[in-house]
Amino acid sequence: MYYVYIMASSRNGTLYVGVTDNLVRRVWEHKNGLIDGFTRKYGCKMLVYFDATENAVAAIQRERQIKEWKRRWKLRLIEEKNPEWLDLYDSIIP
């Protein structure tokens, strides 16, 4: 499986859009500051949105599409699936 995901610093905070083939590992890395760059700099440690697909190309295309969206569209996407802005990390741990 391939995942498009959004990390946030807080509700309505800074957003980061990414793609991975191992969502649990990747989010754990973000949460623990192991990935140098944007998410560590801006404290994006909450998993607020994710979507899965079996197709790597489709996941990468979706990530690029979402990254190009206006901020309000990203917020709407998050709030459609996660209106309380809960950290979804615990829900993905096997």
C-alpha atoms as a PDB file:
ATOM      1  CA  MET A   1       0.000   0.000   0.000  1.00  0.00           C
ATOM      2  CA  TYR A   2       0.985   3.593  -0.599  1.00  0.00           C
ATOM      3  CA  TYR A   3      -0.249   6.472   1.520  1.00  0.00           C
ATOM      4  CA  VAL A   4      -0.760  10.186   1.004  1.00  0.00           C
ATOM      5  CA  TYR A   5      -0.811  11.860   4.394  1.00  0.00           C
ATOM      6  CA  ILE A   6      -1.004  15.259   6.041  1.00  0.00           C
ATOM      7  CA  MET A   7       0.864  16.163   9.215  1.00  0.00           C
ATOM      8  CA  ALA A   8      -0.031  19.307  11.180  1.00  0.00           C
ATOM      9  CA  SER A   9       1.620  21.326  13.927  1.00  0.00           C
ATOM     10  CA  SER A  10      -1.785  21.911  15.563  1.00  0.00           C
ATOM     11  CA  ARG A  11      -5.415  22.450  14.584  1.00  0.00           C
ATOM     12  CA  ASN A  12      -5.352  24.880  11.648  1.00  0.00           C
ATOM     13  CA  GLY A  13      -1.572  25.050  12.038  1.00  0.00           C
ATOM     14  CA  THR A  14       1.263  24.415   9.624  1.00  0.00           C
ATOM     15  CA  LEU A  15       0.568  21.535   7.232  1.00  0.00           C
ATOM     16  CA  TYR A  16       2.885  19.056   5.532  1.00  0.00           C
ATOM     17  CA  VAL A  17       1.760  16.732   2.728  1.00  0.00           C
ATOM     18  CA  GLY A  18       3.742  13.554   2.096  1.00  0.00           C
ATOM     19  CA  VAL A  19       3.663  10.111   0.500  1.00  0.00           C
ATOM     20  CA  THR A  20       5.038   6.826   1.832  1.00  0.00           C
ATOM     21  CA  ASP A  21       4.764   3.075   1.560  1.00  0.00           C
ATOM     22  CA  ASN A  22       5.003   2.611   5.356  1.00  0.00           C
ATOM     23  CA  LEU A  23       2.706   5.059   7.122  1.00  0.00           C
ATOM     24  CA  VAL A  24       3.335   3.842  10.686  1.00  0.00           C
ATOM     25  CA  ARG A  25       7.116   4.125  10.351  1.00  0.00           C
ATOM     26  CA  ARG A  26       7.028   7.462   8.536  1.00  0.00           C
ATOM     27  CA  VAL A  27       4.677   9.141  11.012  1.00  0.00           C
ATOM     28  CA  TRP A  28       6.763   7.773  13.903  1.00  0.00           C
ATOM     29  CA  GLU A  29       9.832   9.378  12.294  1.00  0.00           C
ATOM     30  CA  HIS A  30       8.015  12.722  12.007  1.00  0.00           C
ATOM     31  CA  LYS A  31       6.765  12.520  15.602  1.00  0.00           C
ATOM     32  CA  ASN A  32      10.248  11.825  16.932  1.00  0.00           C
ATOM     33  CA  GLY A  33      11.990  14.524  14.881  1.00  0.00           C
ATOM     34  CA  LEU A  34      14.096  12.024  12.954  1.00  0.00           C
ATOM     35  CA  ILE A  35      13.446  13.626   9.577  1.00  0.00           C
ATOM     36  CA  ASP A  36      15.478  16.765   9.054  1.00  0.00           C
ATOM     37  CA  GLY A  37      13.620  19.510   7.258  1.00  0.00           C
ATOM     38  CA  PHE A  38      10.165  21.045   7.137  1.00  0.00           C
ATOM     39  CA  THR A  39       8.253  18.863   9.611  1.00  0.00           C
ATOM     40  CA  ARG A  40      10.921  19.099  12.289  1.00  0.00           C
ATOM     41  CA  LYS A  41      11.412  22.839  11.770  1.00  0.00           C
ATOM     42  CA  TYR A  42       7.680  23.601  12.033  1.00  0.00           C
ATOM     43  CA  GLY A  43       6.703  20.920  14.567  1.00  0.00           C
ATOM     44  CA  CYS A  44       4.332  18.966  12.320  1.00  0.00           C
ATOM     45  CA  LYS A  45       3.803  15.951  14.582  1.00  0.00           C
ATOM     46  CA  MET A  46       0.067  15.252  14.282  1.00  0.00           C
ATOM     47  CA  LEU A  47      -1.228  12.856  11.623  1.00  0.00           C
ATOM     48  CA  VAL A  48      -4.504  14.537  10.648  1.00  0.00           C
ATOM     49  CA  TYR A  49      -5.287  12.905   7.281  1.00  0.00           C
ATOM     50  CA  PHE A  50      -4.281   9.886   5.237  1.00  0.00           C
ATOM     51  CA  ASP A  51      -5.536   7.989   2.227  1.00  0.00           C
ATOM     52  CA  ALA A  52      -4.348   4.632   0.893  1.00  0.00           C
ATOM     53  CA  THR A  53      -3.927   3.195  -2.584  1.00  0.00           C
ATOM     54  CA  GLU A  54      -2.221   0.145  -4.052  1.00  0.00           C
ATOM     55  CA  ASN A  55      -0.719   2.214  -6.869  1.00  0.00           C
ATOM     56  CA  ALA A  56       2.526   4.136  -6.219  1.00  0.00           C
ATOM     57  CA  VAL A  57       2.076   6.401  -9.233  1.00  0.00           C
ATOM     58  CA  ALA A  58      -1.453   7.331  -8.149  1.00  0.00           C
ATOM     59  CA  ALA A  59      -0.231   8.134  -4.629  1.00  0.00           C
ATOM     60  CA  ILE A  60       2.543  10.394  -5.929  1.00  0.00           C
ATOM     61  CA  GLN A  61       0.142  12.150  -8.301  1.00  0.00           C
ATOM     62  CA  ARG A  62      -2.340  12.706  -5.459  1.00  0.00           C
ATOM     63  CA  GLU A  63       0.406  14.105  -3.223  1.00  0.00           C
ATOM     64  CA  ARG A  64       1.450  16.562  -5.932  1.00  0.00           C
ATOM     65  CA  GLN A  65      -2.170  17.537  -6.526  1.00  0.00           C
ATOM     66  CA  ILE A  66      -2.819  18.259  -2.838  1.00  0.00           C
ATOM     67  CA  LYS A  67       0.447  20.188  -2.487  1.00  0.00           C
ATOM     68  CA  GLU A  68      -0.732  22.527  -5.257  1.00  0.00           C
ATOM     69  CA  TRP A  69      -4.100  23.161  -3.587  1.00  0.00           C
ATOM     70  CA  LYS A  70      -4.981  26.329  -1.761  1.00  0.00           C
ATOM     71  CA  ARG A  71      -4.743  26.047   2.011  1.00  0.00           C
ATOM     72  CA  ARG A  72      -8.504  26.242   2.525  1.00  0.00           C
ATOM     73  CA  TRP A  73      -8.978  23.215   0.235  1.00  0.00           C
ATOM     74  CA  LYS A  74      -6.494  21.222   2.350  1.00  0.00           C
ATOM     75  CA  LEU A  75      -8.305  22.263   5.529  1.00  0.00           C
ATOM     76  CA  ARG A  76     -11.610  21.156   4.034  1.00  0.00           C
ATOM     77  CA  LEU A  77     -10.107  17.783   3.061  1.00  0.00           C
ATOM     78  CA  ILE A  78      -8.881  17.245   6.620  1.00  0.00           C
ATOM     79  CA  GLU A  79     -12.149  18.324   8.215  1.00  0.00           C
ATOM     80  CA  GLU A  80     -14.258  16.068   5.973  1.00  0.00           C
ATOM     81  CA  LYS A  81     -12.537  12.974   7.417  1.00  0.00           C
ATOM     82  CA  ASN A  82     -11.276  14.313  10.741  1.00  0.00           C
ATOM     83  CA  PRO A  83     -13.481  17.209  11.935  1.00  0.00           C
ATOM     84  CA  GLU A  84     -12.014  17.132  15.449  1.00  0.00           C
ATOM     85  CA  TRP A  85      -8.425  17.266  14.159  1.00  0.00           C
ATOM     86  CA  LEU A  86      -7.529  14.191  16.181  1.00  0.00           C
ATOM     87  CA  ASP A  87      -4.029  12.772  15.895  1.00  0.00           C
ATOM     88  CA  LEU A  88      -4.731   9.614  13.882  1.00  0.00           C
ATOM     89  CA  TYR A  89      -1.428   7.904  14.683  1.00  0.00           C
ATOM     90  CA  ASP A  90      -2.875   5.568  17.333  1.00  0.00           C
ATOM     91  CA  SER A  91      -5.533   4.420  14.862  1.00  0.00           C
ATOM     92  CA  ILE A  92      -2.918   3.128  12.385  1.00  0.00           C
ATOM     93  CA  ILE A  93      -0.712   1.187  14.797  1.00  0.00           C
ATOM     94  CA  PRO A  94      -1.272  -2.548  14.308  1.00  0.00           C
END
